[in-house]
Amino acid sequence: EQNKELALSYKTRGQIFASKEKYKEAHDSYRTYIALAPLDPSGHIDRYRLYLKKLDLKAAKEEIEIVIAAYPKYPGAYYMLGELYKEGQNFESALKAAEAEIQNNPGYVPAYVLAGAALNLNAESSKALGYLSKALAMAPTYVPALLQAAIANHRLKTYAAAQSMLERALALDAGNPQIHKRLALLFREMGNSAKAKYNLKAYLDLLPDAPDRLEAERLMNE
């Protein structure tokens, strides 16, 4: 019991250091936690999240692969691996990881969204809708699923469906700048300049340091 309390104290320290972006101290604390509690995979998952914050995808992948090797059906593990692949632009591997998560945990909605996102990014939006439809059947108000389904419909030029999904998403998450950005792109393609500019302004108001701010401002001034 005493060892368990000691181990948890290091895990707590790691979480505090991570929240303060003191990454070295957080890593050291998690390393000690793993040494004291080797059967608990959560220490590796904490380190995965820390590496992900630092965009060290290789190190993050090593941590989550340790979890998968020890616990192949650990909930969310293949999903986390898939997110890494997506971040690294390896969309086929991201899809395979999402499918492995779905096989292990058929009710895990984010895995279906990951599969849809990977297919959207790989220009396979028709296939993406298959996964996203399943996600929305299980969770009709899950905003990431609505957003990815809207992207798929936009690319397939089914504009009414794309608009409907984005408006549903916006009603659920009014402060999400990405929804406004997608609405702006959609309205621009539909030829509705006023609504496109309105949503571009909303996007920039919500995300003043947007990486594509100059491009958004250029489109607003056209």
C-alpha atoms as a PDB file:
ATOM      1  CA  GLU A   1       0.000   0.000   0.000  1.00  0.00           C
ATOM      2  CA  GLN A   2       2.866   2.326   0.882  1.00  0.00           C
ATOM      3  CA  ASN A   3       4.565   1.608  -2.487  1.00  0.00           C
ATOM      4  CA  LYS A   4       1.295   2.290  -4.295  1.00  0.00           C
ATOM      5  CA  GLU A   5       0.961   5.678  -2.590  1.00  0.00           C
ATOM      6  CA  LEU A   6       4.589   6.481  -3.413  1.00  0.00           C
ATOM      7  CA  ALA A   7       4.060   5.526  -7.058  1.00  0.00           C
ATOM      8  CA  LEU A   8       0.917   7.654  -7.330  1.00  0.00           C
ATOM      9  CA  SER A   9       2.743  10.621  -5.815  1.00  0.00           C
ATOM     10  CA  TYR A  10       5.210  10.506  -8.733  1.00  0.00           C
ATOM     11  CA  LYS A  11       2.362  10.259 -11.238  1.00  0.00           C
ATOM     12  CA  THR A  12       0.701  13.311  -9.658  1.00  0.00           C
ATOM     13  CA  ARG A  13       3.997  15.196  -9.758  1.00  0.00           C
ATOM     14  CA  GLY A  14       4.343  14.345 -13.437  1.00  0.00           C
ATOM     15  CA  GLN A  15       0.873  15.694 -14.182  1.00  0.00           C
ATOM     16  CA  ILE A  16       1.594  18.928 -12.287  1.00  0.00           C
ATOM     17  CA  PHE A  17       4.910  19.429 -14.098  1.00  0.00           C
ATOM     18  CA  ALA A  18       3.239  18.677 -17.456  1.00  0.00           C
ATOM     19  CA  SER A  19       0.519  21.266 -16.799  1.00  0.00           C
ATOM     20  CA  LYS A  20       3.291  23.824 -16.174  1.00  0.00           C
ATOM     21  CA  GLU A  21       5.142  22.702 -19.332  1.00  0.00           C
ATOM     22  CA  LYS A  22       8.132  21.571 -17.256  1.00  0.00           C
ATOM     23  CA  TYR A  23       8.689  18.636 -19.578  1.00  0.00           C
ATOM     24  CA  LYS A  24      11.983  17.275 -18.224  1.00  0.00           C
ATOM     25  CA  GLU A  25      10.673  17.134 -14.650  1.00  0.00           C
ATOM     26  CA  ALA A  26       7.429  15.552 -15.896  1.00  0.00           C
ATOM     27  CA  HIS A  27       9.339  12.881 -17.837  1.00  0.00           C
ATOM     28  CA  ASP A  28      11.488  12.077 -14.819  1.00  0.00           C
ATOM     29  CA  SER A  29       8.424  11.752 -12.583  1.00  0.00           C
ATOM     30  CA  TYR A  30       6.612   9.484 -15.043  1.00  0.00           C
ATOM     31  CA  ARG A  31       9.746   7.353 -15.464  1.00  0.00           C
ATOM     32  CA  THR A  32       9.848   6.790 -11.709  1.00  0.00           C
ATOM     33  CA  TYR A  33       6.128   5.998 -11.670  1.00  0.00           C
ATOM     34  CA  ILE A  34       6.590   3.380 -14.401  1.00  0.00           C
ATOM     35  CA  ALA A  35       9.474   1.801 -12.460  1.00  0.00           C
ATOM     36  CA  LEU A  36       7.329   1.609  -9.306  1.00  0.00           C
ATOM     37  CA  ALA A  37       4.134   0.473 -11.092  1.00  0.00           C
ATOM     38  CA  PRO A  38       5.289  -1.470 -14.168  1.00  0.00           C
ATOM     39  CA  LEU A  39       1.931  -3.205 -14.681  1.00  0.00           C
ATOM     40  CA  ASP A  40       0.004   0.064 -15.057  1.00  0.00           C
ATOM     41  CA  PRO A  41       0.086   1.280 -18.677  1.00  0.00           C
ATOM     42  CA  SER A  42      -1.168   4.759 -17.755  1.00  0.00           C
ATOM     43  CA  GLY A  43       2.394   5.956 -17.100  1.00  0.00           C
ATOM     44  CA  HIS A  44       3.299   5.225 -20.711  1.00  0.00           C
ATOM     45  CA  ILE A  45       0.108   6.955 -21.892  1.00  0.00           C
ATOM     46  CA  ASP A  46       1.002  10.036 -19.842  1.00  0.00           C
ATOM     47  CA  ARG A  47       4.440  10.053 -21.471  1.00  0.00           C
ATOM     48  CA  TYR A  48       2.800   9.594 -24.896  1.00  0.00           C
ATOM     49  CA  ARG A  49       0.688  12.706 -24.290  1.00  0.00           C
ATOM     50  CA  LEU A  50       3.725  14.625 -23.145  1.00  0.00           C
ATOM     51  CA  TYR A  51       5.712  13.705 -26.259  1.00  0.00           C
ATOM     52  CA  LEU A  52       2.695  14.596 -28.397  1.00  0.00           C
ATOM     53  CA  LYS A  53       2.620  18.076 -26.850  1.00  0.00           C
ATOM     54  CA  LYS A  54       6.268  18.444 -27.831  1.00  0.00           C
ATOM     55  CA  LEU A  55       5.492  17.047 -31.321  1.00  0.00           C
ATOM     56  CA  ASP A  56       8.044  14.276 -30.772  1.00  0.00           C
ATOM     57  CA  LEU A  57       6.009  11.737 -32.731  1.00  0.00           C
ATOM     58  CA  LYS A  58       8.709   9.051 -32.747  1.00  0.00           C
ATOM     59  CA  ALA A  59       9.024   9.010 -28.954  1.00  0.00           C
ATOM     60  CA  ALA A  60       5.225   9.147 -28.529  1.00  0.00           C
ATOM     61  CA  LYS A  61       4.867   6.153 -30.859  1.00  0.00           C
ATOM     62  CA  GLU A  62       7.382   4.154 -28.819  1.00  0.00           C
ATOM     63  CA  GLU A  63       5.383   4.776 -25.634  1.00  0.00           C
ATOM     64  CA  ILE A  64       2.027   3.725 -27.081  1.00  0.00           C
ATOM     65  CA  GLU A  65       3.581   0.667 -28.741  1.00  0.00           C
ATOM     66  CA  ILE A  66       4.770  -0.479 -25.301  1.00  0.00           C
ATOM     67  CA  VAL A  67       1.137  -0.359 -24.141  1.00  0.00           C
ATOM     68  CA  ILE A  68      -0.127  -2.233 -27.222  1.00  0.00           C
ATOM     69  CA  ALA A  69       2.557  -4.925 -26.861  1.00  0.00           C
ATOM     70  CA  ALA A  70       1.544  -5.571 -23.242  1.00  0.00           C
ATOM     71  CA  TYR A  71      -2.210  -4.976 -23.591  1.00  0.00           C
ATOM     72  CA  PRO A  72      -3.277  -5.397 -27.255  1.00  0.00           C
ATOM     73  CA  LYS A  73      -6.911  -4.566 -26.446  1.00  0.00           C
ATOM     74  CA  TYR A  74      -6.260  -1.630 -24.131  1.00  0.00           C
ATOM     75  CA  PRO A  75      -9.126   0.830 -24.827  1.00  0.00           C
ATOM     76  CA  GLY A  76      -8.005   3.711 -26.999  1.00  0.00           C
ATOM     77  CA  ALA A  77      -4.433   2.478 -27.563  1.00  0.00           C
ATOM     78  CA  TYR A  78      -4.747   1.836 -31.299  1.00  0.00           C
ATOM     79  CA  TYR A  79      -6.707   5.078 -31.613  1.00  0.00           C
ATOM     80  CA  MET A  80      -3.809   6.974 -30.049  1.00  0.00           C
ATOM     81  CA  LEU A  81      -1.387   5.228 -32.410  1.00  0.00           C
ATOM     82  CA  GLY A  82      -3.615   6.210 -35.331  1.00  0.00           C
ATOM     83  CA  GLU A  83      -3.660   9.853 -34.248  1.00  0.00           C
ATOM     84  CA  LEU A  84       0.140   9.808 -34.363  1.00  0.00           C
ATOM     85  CA  TYR A  85       0.133   8.369 -37.870  1.00  0.00           C
ATOM     86  CA  LYS A  86      -2.380  11.012 -38.974  1.00  0.00           C
ATOM     87  CA  GLU A  87      -0.241  13.766 -37.467  1.00  0.00           C
ATOM     88  CA  GLY A  88       2.728  12.356 -39.388  1.00  0.00           C
ATOM     89  CA  GLN A  89       0.742  12.365 -42.678  1.00  0.00           C
ATOM     90  CA  ASN A  90       0.705   8.547 -42.878  1.00  0.00           C
ATOM     91  CA  PHE A  91      -2.997   8.263 -43.618  1.00  0.00           C
ATOM     92  CA  GLU A  92      -3.070   4.577 -44.625  1.00  0.00           C
ATOM     93  CA  SER A  93      -1.461   3.526 -41.332  1.00  0.00           C
ATOM     94  CA  ALA A  94      -3.817   5.871 -39.449  1.00  0.00           C
ATOM     95  CA  LEU A  95      -6.774   4.098 -41.068  1.00  0.00           C
ATOM     96  CA  LYS A  96      -5.402   0.650 -40.178  1.00  0.00           C
ATOM     97  CA  ALA A  97      -4.902   1.707 -36.558  1.00  0.00           C
ATOM     98  CA  ALA A  98      -8.451   3.119 -36.435  1.00  0.00           C
ATOM     99  CA  GLU A  99      -9.806  -0.158 -37.833  1.00  0.00           C
ATOM    100  CA  ALA A 100      -7.857  -2.119 -35.195  1.00  0.00           C
ATOM    101  CA  GLU A 101      -9.407   0.073 -32.482  1.00  0.00           C
ATOM    102  CA  ILE A 102     -12.883  -0.467 -33.951  1.00  0.00           C
ATOM    103  CA  GLN A 103     -12.312  -4.225 -33.962  1.00  0.00           C
ATOM    104  CA  ASN A 104     -11.242  -4.140 -30.315  1.00  0.00           C
ATOM    105  CA  ASN A 105     -13.857  -1.611 -29.180  1.00  0.00           C
ATOM    106  CA  PRO A 106     -16.754  -1.387 -31.675  1.00  0.00           C
ATOM    107  CA  GLY A 107     -18.510   1.329 -29.667  1.00  0.00           C
ATOM    108  CA  TYR A 108     -15.542   3.705 -29.532  1.00  0.00           C
ATOM    109  CA  VAL A 109     -16.850   6.623 -31.606  1.00  0.00           C
ATOM    110  CA  PRO A 110     -13.550   8.592 -31.935  1.00  0.00           C
ATOM    111  CA  ALA A 111     -12.012   5.656 -33.824  1.00  0.00           C
ATOM    112  CA  TYR A 112     -14.676   5.934 -36.548  1.00  0.00           C
ATOM    113  CA  VAL A 113     -13.998   9.671 -36.767  1.00  0.00           C
ATOM    114  CA  LEU A 114     -10.257   9.015 -37.036  1.00  0.00           C
ATOM    115  CA  ALA A 115     -10.916   6.578 -39.905  1.00  0.00           C
ATOM    116  CA  GLY A 116     -13.095   9.173 -41.628  1.00  0.00           C
ATOM    117  CA  ALA A 117     -10.539  11.932 -41.132  1.00  0.00           C
ATOM    118  CA  ALA A 118      -7.721   9.764 -42.496  1.00  0.00           C
ATOM    119  CA  LEU A 119      -9.793   8.946 -45.583  1.00  0.00           C
ATOM    120  CA  ASN A 120     -10.745  12.605 -46.072  1.00  0.00           C
ATOM    121  CA  LEU A 121      -7.073  13.558 -45.919  1.00  0.00           C
ATOM    122  CA  ASN A 122      -6.307  10.801 -48.413  1.00  0.00           C
ATOM    123  CA  ALA A 123      -8.960  12.131 -50.857  1.00  0.00           C
ATOM    124  CA  GLU A 124     -11.304   9.170 -50.271  1.00  0.00           C
ATOM    125  CA  SER A 125     -14.326  11.037 -48.988  1.00  0.00           C
ATOM    126  CA  SER A 126     -16.917   8.523 -50.226  1.00  0.00           C
ATOM    127  CA  LYS A 127     -15.335   5.840 -48.047  1.00  0.00           C
ATOM    128  CA  ALA A 128     -14.971   8.353 -45.213  1.00  0.00           C
ATOM    129  CA  LEU A 129     -18.743   8.831 -45.078  1.00  0.00           C
ATOM    130  CA  GLY A 130     -19.213   5.132 -44.355  1.00  0.00           C
ATOM    131  CA  TYR A 131     -17.290   5.412 -41.077  1.00  0.00           C
ATOM    132  CA  LEU A 132     -18.688   8.835 -40.228  1.00  0.00           C
ATOM    133  CA  SER A 133     -22.278   7.688 -40.739  1.00  0.00           C
ATOM    134  CA  LYS A 134     -21.654   4.920 -38.195  1.00  0.00           C
ATOM    135  CA  ALA A 135     -20.134   7.439 -35.766  1.00  0.00           C
ATOM    136  CA  LEU A 136     -23.156   9.742 -36.088  1.00  0.00           C
ATOM    137  CA  ALA A 137     -25.584   6.848 -35.706  1.00  0.00           C
ATOM    138  CA  MET A 138     -23.981   6.144 -32.319  1.00  0.00           C
ATOM    139  CA  ALA A 139     -23.402   9.782 -31.329  1.00  0.00           C
ATOM    140  CA  PRO A 140     -25.543  12.235 -33.364  1.00  0.00           C
ATOM    141  CA  THR A 141     -24.252  15.272 -31.464  1.00  0.00           C
ATOM    142  CA  TYR A 142     -20.529  14.421 -31.584  1.00  0.00           C
ATOM    143  CA  VAL A 143     -19.043  17.566 -33.129  1.00  0.00           C
ATOM    144  CA  PRO A 144     -15.827  16.012 -34.561  1.00  0.00           C
ATOM    145  CA  ALA A 145     -17.971  13.496 -36.475  1.00  0.00           C
ATOM    146  CA  LEU A 146     -20.242  16.245 -37.822  1.00  0.00           C
ATOM    147  CA  LEU A 147     -17.207  18.287 -38.872  1.00  0.00           C
ATOM    148  CA  GLN A 148     -15.530  15.414 -40.729  1.00  0.00           C
ATOM    149  CA  ALA A 149     -18.826  14.383 -42.352  1.00  0.00           C
ATOM    150  CA  ALA A 150     -19.260  17.978 -43.523  1.00  0.00           C
ATOM    151  CA  ILE A 151     -15.752  17.960 -45.012  1.00  0.00           C
ATOM    152  CA  ALA A 152     -16.532  14.712 -46.855  1.00  0.00           C
ATOM    153  CA  ASN A 153     -19.826  16.072 -48.218  1.00  0.00           C
ATOM    154  CA  HIS A 154     -18.171  19.337 -49.254  1.00  0.00           C
ATOM    155  CA  ARG A 155     -15.534  17.457 -51.225  1.00  0.00           C
ATOM    156  CA  LEU A 156     -18.227  15.337 -52.846  1.00  0.00           C
ATOM    157  CA  LYS A 157     -20.078  18.580 -53.705  1.00  0.00           C
ATOM    158  CA  THR A 158     -23.170  17.599 -51.735  1.00  0.00           C
ATOM    159  CA  TYR A 159     -23.319  21.139 -50.404  1.00  0.00           C
ATOM    160  CA  ALA A 160     -26.696  21.018 -48.676  1.00  0.00           C
ATOM    161  CA  ALA A 161     -25.631  18.053 -46.530  1.00  0.00           C
ATOM    162  CA  ALA A 162     -22.312  19.738 -45.722  1.00  0.00           C
ATOM    163  CA  GLN A 163     -24.063  22.961 -44.694  1.00  0.00           C
ATOM    164  CA  SER A 164     -26.598  21.108 -42.559  1.00  0.00           C
ATOM    165  CA  MET A 165     -23.885  19.239 -40.659  1.00  0.00           C
ATOM    166  CA  LEU A 166     -21.797  22.357 -40.081  1.00  0.00           C
ATOM    167  CA  GLU A 167     -24.816  24.279 -38.820  1.00  0.00           C
ATOM    168  CA  ARG A 168     -25.670  21.407 -36.466  1.00  0.00           C
ATOM    169  CA  ALA A 169     -22.069  21.417 -35.239  1.00  0.00           C
ATOM    170  CA  LEU A 170     -22.127  25.192 -34.745  1.00  0.00           C
ATOM    171  CA  ALA A 171     -25.319  24.981 -32.669  1.00  0.00           C
ATOM    172  CA  LEU A 172     -23.508  22.524 -30.379  1.00  0.00           C
ATOM    173  CA  ASP A 173     -20.138  24.290 -30.259  1.00  0.00           C
ATOM    174  CA  ALA A 174     -20.523  27.967 -31.156  1.00  0.00           C
ATOM    175  CA  GLY A 175     -16.974  28.861 -30.082  1.00  0.00           C
ATOM    176  CA  ASN A 176     -15.237  26.401 -32.395  1.00  0.00           C
ATOM    177  CA  PRO A 177     -13.249  28.411 -34.987  1.00  0.00           C
ATOM    178  CA  GLN A 178     -12.803  25.415 -37.292  1.00  0.00           C
ATOM    179  CA  ILE A 179     -16.559  25.202 -37.884  1.00  0.00           C
ATOM    180  CA  HIS A 180     -16.629  28.837 -39.006  1.00  0.00           C
ATOM    181  CA  LYS A 181     -13.627  28.234 -41.252  1.00  0.00           C
ATOM    182  CA  ARG A 182     -15.333  25.278 -42.912  1.00  0.00           C
ATOM    183  CA  LEU A 183     -18.560  27.241 -43.344  1.00  0.00           C
ATOM    184  CA  ALA A 184     -16.582  30.067 -44.960  1.00  0.00           C
ATOM    185  CA  LEU A 185     -14.928  27.695 -47.429  1.00  0.00           C
ATOM    186  CA  LEU A 186     -18.264  26.054 -48.195  1.00  0.00           C
ATOM    187  CA  PHE A 187     -20.163  29.326 -48.742  1.00  0.00           C
ATOM    188  CA  ARG A 188     -17.318  30.656 -50.879  1.00  0.00           C
ATOM    189  CA  GLU A 189     -17.565  27.619 -53.160  1.00  0.00           C
ATOM    190  CA  MET A 190     -21.354  27.979 -53.241  1.00  0.00           C
ATOM    191  CA  GLY A 191     -20.949  31.599 -54.374  1.00  0.00           C
ATOM    192  CA  ASN A 192     -22.332  33.180 -51.214  1.00  0.00           C
ATOM    193  CA  SER A 193     -19.662  35.824 -50.623  1.00  0.00           C
ATOM    194  CA  ALA A 194     -21.425  37.604 -47.748  1.00  0.00           C
ATOM    195  CA  LYS A 195     -21.800  34.472 -45.625  1.00  0.00           C
ATOM    196  CA  ALA A 196     -18.261  33.378 -46.501  1.00  0.00           C
ATOM    197  CA  LYS A 197     -16.849  36.708 -45.251  1.00  0.00           C
ATOM    198  CA  TYR A 198     -19.045  36.634 -42.134  1.00  0.00           C
ATOM    199  CA  ASN A 199     -17.677  33.225 -41.173  1.00  0.00           C
ATOM    200  CA  LEU A 200     -14.079  34.159 -42.003  1.00  0.00           C
ATOM    201  CA  LYS A 201     -14.412  37.133 -39.635  1.00  0.00           C
ATOM    202  CA  ALA A 202     -15.880  34.867 -36.941  1.00  0.00           C
ATOM    203  CA  TYR A 203     -13.000  32.422 -37.490  1.00  0.00           C
ATOM    204  CA  LEU A 204     -10.377  35.153 -37.002  1.00  0.00           C
ATOM    205  CA  ASP A 205     -12.224  36.674 -34.040  1.00  0.00           C
ATOM    206  CA  LEU A 206     -12.161  33.282 -32.307  1.00  0.00           C
ATOM    207  CA  LEU A 207      -8.606  32.473 -33.366  1.00  0.00           C
ATOM    208  CA  PRO A 208      -6.668  35.744 -33.666  1.00  0.00           C
ATOM    209  CA  ASP A 209      -3.320  33.966 -34.082  1.00  0.00           C
ATOM    210  CA  ALA A 210      -4.596  31.592 -36.793  1.00  0.00           C
ATOM    211  CA  PRO A 211      -1.676  30.248 -38.846  1.00  0.00           C
ATOM    212  CA  ASP A 212      -3.554  31.109 -42.053  1.00  0.00           C
ATOM    213  CA  ARG A 213      -4.639  34.580 -40.904  1.00  0.00           C
ATOM    214  CA  LEU A 214      -3.099  36.392 -43.906  1.00  0.00           C
ATOM    215  CA  GLU A 215      -4.861  34.098 -46.362  1.00  0.00           C
ATOM    216  CA  ALA A 216      -8.184  34.494 -44.508  1.00  0.00           C
ATOM    217  CA  GLU A 217      -7.813  38.295 -44.546  1.00  0.00           C
ATOM    218  CA  ARG A 218      -7.028  38.200 -48.263  1.00  0.00           C
ATOM    219  CA  LEU A 219     -10.213  36.230 -48.938  1.00  0.00           C
ATOM    220  CA  MET A 220     -12.260  38.650 -46.816  1.00  0.00           C
ATOM    221  CA  ASN A 221     -11.011  41.577 -48.886  1.00  0.00           C
ATOM    222  CA  GLU A 222     -11.697  40.036 -52.298  1.00  0.00           C
END
